[in-house]
Amino acid sequence: MASVRYIVADIDKAVEFYRDNLEFKVEMHNPGKFAALLRDDLTLYLSAPGAGSGGQAGGEPEPGGWNRFMVITRGLDTLIDRKSVV
């Protein structure tokens, strides 16, 4: 199982996005500070800037910063069609 910590500006909006658009399951959510989301073999840890015990690898943690990950999904067209109806 892979795990990624990702820093986001708005935890609650990020949880909504990953849950509603990319089919992640919310395992833990501390509004405004932290969330742990699951999808297949990936655990995605979302942290607010400066939250948690993450170190500073050459700078201040900020959204869009150090980590990148890819979500592979089946039926991308179906997922897009479903979201465009909303």
Protein backbone atom coordinates (compact mmCIF):
# COMPACT_ATOMS: atom_id res chain seq x y z
CA MET A 1 0.00 0.00 0.00
CA ALA A 2 1.29 3.47 -0.89
CA SER A 3 0.91 6.56 1.26
CA VAL A 4 1.28 10.19 0.24
CA ARG A 5 1.14 13.31 2.40
CA TYR A 6 -0.14 16.28 0.44
CA ILE A 7 -0.36 19.86 1.72
CA VAL A 8 -3.53 21.72 0.70
CA ALA A 9 -4.79 25.21 1.45
CA ASP A 10 -8.33 24.09 2.34
CA ILE A 11 -8.68 20.62 3.90
CA ASP A 12 -12.47 20.59 3.75
CA LYS A 13 -12.68 21.52 0.06
CA ALA A 14 -9.94 18.98 -0.74
CA VAL A 15 -11.83 16.21 1.09
CA GLU A 16 -14.98 17.11 -0.86
CA PHE A 17 -13.06 17.07 -4.14
CA TYR A 18 -11.30 13.72 -3.65
CA ARG A 19 -14.39 12.07 -2.14
CA ASP A 20 -16.96 13.35 -4.64
CA ASN A 21 -14.89 13.45 -7.84
CA LEU A 22 -12.27 10.73 -7.48
CA GLU A 23 -14.12 8.22 -5.30
CA PHE A 24 -11.85 8.32 -2.25
CA LYS A 25 -13.26 7.03 1.06
CA VAL A 26 -12.83 9.32 4.07
CA GLU A 27 -11.08 7.38 6.83
CA MET A 28 -10.43 10.36 9.13
CA HIS A 29 -11.26 14.07 8.91
CA ASN A 30 -10.25 16.74 11.39
CA PRO A 31 -11.87 19.80 9.74
CA GLY A 32 -9.42 22.50 8.73
CA LYS A 33 -6.34 20.53 9.81
CA PHE A 34 -6.02 16.97 8.52
CA ALA A 35 -7.70 14.16 6.59
CA ALA A 36 -6.83 10.58 5.68
CA LEU A 37 -8.48 9.30 2.49
CA LEU A 38 -8.38 5.81 0.95
CA ARG A 39 -8.69 4.62 -2.63
CA ASP A 40 -7.61 1.13 -3.61
CA ASP A 41 -4.01 0.73 -2.38
CA LEU A 42 -3.40 4.44 -1.75
CA THR A 43 -3.76 6.33 1.51
CA LEU A 44 -3.77 10.07 0.91
CA TYR A 45 -2.95 12.21 3.93
CA LEU A 46 -4.05 15.82 3.51
CA SER A 47 -2.51 18.42 5.82
CA ALA A 48 -2.98 22.15 6.18
CA PRO A 49 0.21 24.23 5.76
CA GLY A 50 2.21 24.03 8.99
CA ALA A 51 0.01 21.30 10.49
CA GLY A 52 1.48 18.06 11.79
CA SER A 53 5.07 17.15 12.37
CA GLY A 54 6.38 17.37 8.80
CA GLY A 55 9.86 18.76 8.54
CA GLN A 56 11.03 21.53 6.27
CA ALA A 57 12.95 20.02 3.37
CA GLY A 58 14.49 23.21 2.11
CA GLY A 59 11.60 25.60 2.64
CA GLU A 60 8.15 26.19 4.07
CA PRO A 61 5.49 23.54 3.28
CA GLU A 62 2.81 24.97 1.01
CA PRO A 63 -0.01 23.72 -1.25
CA GLY A 64 1.17 22.39 -4.59
CA GLY A 65 4.63 21.95 -3.16
CA TRP A 66 6.70 18.84 -2.77
CA ASN A 67 4.52 15.80 -3.50
CA ARG A 68 2.80 14.58 -6.65
CA PHE A 69 0.70 11.50 -7.19
CA MET A 70 -1.39 9.96 -9.94
CA VAL A 71 -4.85 8.42 -9.58
CA ILE A 72 -5.63 5.71 -12.12
CA THR A 73 -9.32 5.22 -12.75
CA ARG A 74 -11.39 2.97 -14.93
CA GLY A 75 -14.18 4.49 -16.99
CA LEU A 76 -12.84 8.05 -17.08
CA ASP A 77 -15.51 9.09 -19.60
CA THR A 78 -18.24 7.76 -17.29
CA LEU A 79 -16.76 9.64 -14.35
CA ILE A 80 -16.61 12.87 -16.37
CA ASP A 81 -20.18 12.41 -17.64
CA ARG A 82 -21.42 11.79 -14.11
CA LYS A 83 -19.75 14.97 -12.84
CA SER A 84 -20.99 17.12 -15.73
CA VAL A 85 -24.61 16.30 -14.84
CA VAL A 86 -24.18 17.77 -11.35
